[in-house]
């Protein structure tokens, strides 16, 4: 997303790639959670941590990784599968 390789729609492509990586790495093999919903719900943190990531360095990467774990946990909790199980 921060590289902005396209004239438009960088965010859509980045979030699609995020889903593919989560599935390919076994974090969410069935692609059952919706990290995009968490990013939307946590939009200020999402944007702030993306800026930190784009600046680079260990602090930016550390902040993004902490944010991402929070976002993925929120996405898992919001999954329809969790709500249906309750």
C-alpha atoms as a PDB file:
ATOM      1  CA  UNK A   1       0.000   0.000   0.000  1.00  0.00           C
ATOM      2  CA  UNK A   2       2.702   2.484   0.933  1.00  0.00           C
ATOM      3  CA  UNK A   3       4.653   1.829  -2.259  1.00  0.00           C
ATOM      4  CA  UNK A   4       1.582   3.037  -4.225  1.00  0.00           C
ATOM      5  CA  UNK A   5       2.565   1.313  -7.488  1.00  0.00           C
ATOM      6  CA  UNK A   6      -0.771   2.019  -9.172  1.00  0.00           C
ATOM      7  CA  UNK A   7      -2.382   5.280 -10.191  1.00  0.00           C
ATOM      8  CA  UNK A   8      -5.410   4.373  -8.118  1.00  0.00           C
ATOM      9  CA  UNK A   9      -6.814   1.532  -6.040  1.00  0.00           C
ATOM     10  CA  UNK A  10      -3.563   0.860  -4.169  1.00  0.00           C
ATOM     11  CA  UNK A  11      -5.521   0.090  -1.005  1.00  0.00           C
ATOM     12  CA  UNK A  12      -7.758  -2.487  -2.654  1.00  0.00           C
ATOM     13  CA  UNK A  13      -4.795  -4.286  -4.193  1.00  0.00           C
ATOM     14  CA  UNK A  14      -2.851  -4.165  -0.923  1.00  0.00           C
ATOM     15  CA  UNK A  15      -5.721  -5.605   1.119  1.00  0.00           C
ATOM     16  CA  UNK A  16      -6.293  -8.349  -1.473  1.00  0.00           C
ATOM     17  CA  UNK A  17      -2.600  -9.211  -1.279  1.00  0.00           C
ATOM     18  CA  UNK A  18      -2.864  -9.202   2.527  1.00  0.00           C
ATOM     19  CA  UNK A  19      -5.647 -11.801   2.347  1.00  0.00           C
ATOM     20  CA  UNK A  20      -3.605 -13.946  -0.041  1.00  0.00           C
ATOM     21  CA  UNK A  21      -0.563 -13.847   2.251  1.00  0.00           C
ATOM     22  CA  UNK A  22      -2.654 -14.742   5.313  1.00  0.00           C
ATOM     23  CA  UNK A  23      -4.108 -17.722   3.443  1.00  0.00           C
ATOM     24  CA  UNK A  24      -0.805 -18.832   1.890  1.00  0.00           C
ATOM     25  CA  UNK A  25       1.058 -18.667   5.209  1.00  0.00           C
ATOM     26  CA  UNK A  26      -1.621 -20.677   7.012  1.00  0.00           C
ATOM     27  CA  UNK A  27      -2.800 -17.866   9.270  1.00  0.00           C
ATOM     28  CA  UNK A  28      -6.273 -17.997   7.718  1.00  0.00           C
ATOM     29  CA  UNK A  29      -6.120 -20.858   5.221  1.00  0.00           C
ATOM     30  CA  UNK A  30      -9.841 -20.765   4.450  1.00  0.00           C
ATOM     31  CA  UNK A  31      -9.979 -16.948   4.353  1.00  0.00           C
ATOM     32  CA  UNK A  32     -12.763 -16.877   6.924  1.00  0.00           C
ATOM     33  CA  UNK A  33     -11.928 -13.625   8.673  1.00  0.00           C
ATOM     34  CA  UNK A  34     -12.275 -10.178   7.166  1.00  0.00           C
ATOM     35  CA  UNK A  35      -9.246  -8.057   8.052  1.00  0.00           C
ATOM     36  CA  UNK A  36     -10.627  -5.252   5.870  1.00  0.00           C
ATOM     37  CA  UNK A  37     -13.513  -4.840   8.311  1.00  0.00           C
ATOM     38  CA  UNK A  38     -11.080  -4.523  11.193  1.00  0.00           C
ATOM     39  CA  UNK A  39      -8.983  -1.995   9.274  1.00  0.00           C
ATOM     40  CA  UNK A  40     -12.128   0.028   8.668  1.00  0.00           C
ATOM     41  CA  UNK A  41     -13.194  -0.167  12.320  1.00  0.00           C
ATOM     42  CA  UNK A  42      -9.663   0.770  13.404  1.00  0.00           C
ATOM     43  CA  UNK A  43      -9.105   3.270  10.605  1.00  0.00           C
ATOM     44  CA  UNK A  44      -7.120   5.904  12.556  1.00  0.00           C
ATOM     45  CA  UNK A  45      -4.731   3.237  13.856  1.00  0.00           C
ATOM     46  CA  UNK A  46      -4.555   1.616  10.409  1.00  0.00           C
ATOM     47  CA  UNK A  47      -3.579   4.867   8.722  1.00  0.00           C
ATOM     48  CA  UNK A  48      -1.152   5.871  11.469  1.00  0.00           C
ATOM     49  CA  UNK A  49       0.615   2.527  11.444  1.00  0.00           C
ATOM     50  CA  UNK A  50       0.790   2.492   7.650  1.00  0.00           C
ATOM     51  CA  UNK A  51       2.565   5.848   7.819  1.00  0.00           C
ATOM     52  CA  UNK A  52       4.946   4.397  10.411  1.00  0.00           C
ATOM     53  CA  UNK A  53       5.590   1.365   8.204  1.00  0.00           C
ATOM     54  CA  UNK A  54       6.290   3.577   5.184  1.00  0.00           C
ATOM     55  CA  UNK A  55       8.878   5.572   7.115  1.00  0.00           C
ATOM     56  CA  UNK A  56      10.540   2.272   7.903  1.00  0.00           C
ATOM     57  CA  UNK A  57      12.924   1.215  10.537  1.00  0.00           C
ATOM     58  CA  UNK A  58      12.414  -1.125  13.458  1.00  0.00           C
ATOM     59  CA  UNK A  59       9.963   1.163  15.271  1.00  0.00           C
ATOM     60  CA  UNK A  60       7.624   1.443  12.278  1.00  0.00           C
ATOM     61  CA  UNK A  61       7.730  -2.298  11.645  1.00  0.00           C
ATOM     62  CA  UNK A  62       7.179  -3.049  15.337  1.00  0.00           C
ATOM     63  CA  UNK A  63       4.174  -0.714  15.506  1.00  0.00           C
ATOM     64  CA  UNK A  64       2.649  -2.240  12.359  1.00  0.00           C
ATOM     65  CA  UNK A  65       3.064  -5.790  13.659  1.00  0.00           C
ATOM     66  CA  UNK A  66       1.408  -4.893  16.965  1.00  0.00           C
ATOM     67  CA  UNK A  67      -1.428  -3.185  15.118  1.00  0.00           C
ATOM     68  CA  UNK A  68      -1.838  -6.119  12.702  1.00  0.00           C
ATOM     69  CA  UNK A  69      -2.238  -8.619  15.536  1.00  0.00           C
ATOM     70  CA  UNK A  70      -4.942  -6.406  17.060  1.00  0.00           C
ATOM     71  CA  UNK A  71      -6.695  -6.047  13.697  1.00  0.00           C
ATOM     72  CA  UNK A  72      -6.579  -9.786  12.930  1.00  0.00           C
ATOM     73  CA  UNK A  73      -7.926 -10.623  16.376  1.00  0.00           C
ATOM     74  CA  UNK A  74     -10.774  -8.132  15.885  1.00  0.00           C
ATOM     75  CA  UNK A  75     -11.463  -9.602  12.445  1.00  0.00           C
ATOM     76  CA  UNK A  76     -11.612 -13.115  13.884  1.00  0.00           C
ATOM     77  CA  UNK A  77     -13.963 -12.030  16.671  1.00  0.00           C
ATOM     78  CA  UNK A  78     -16.244 -10.356  14.108  1.00  0.00           C
ATOM     79  CA  UNK A  79     -16.377 -13.446  11.914  1.00  0.00           C
ATOM     80  CA  UNK A  80     -19.889 -14.695  11.178  1.00  0.00           C
ATOM     81  CA  UNK A  81     -18.670 -18.152  12.181  1.00  0.00           C
ATOM     82  CA  UNK A  82     -18.004 -16.940  15.730  1.00  0.00           C
ATOM     83  CA  UNK A  83     -21.339 -15.173  15.954  1.00  0.00           C
ATOM     84  CA  UNK A  84     -23.175 -18.262  14.640  1.00  0.00           C
ATOM     85  CA  UNK A  85     -21.457 -20.479  17.209  1.00  0.00           C
ATOM     86  CA  UNK A  86     -22.690 -18.397  20.139  1.00  0.00           C
END
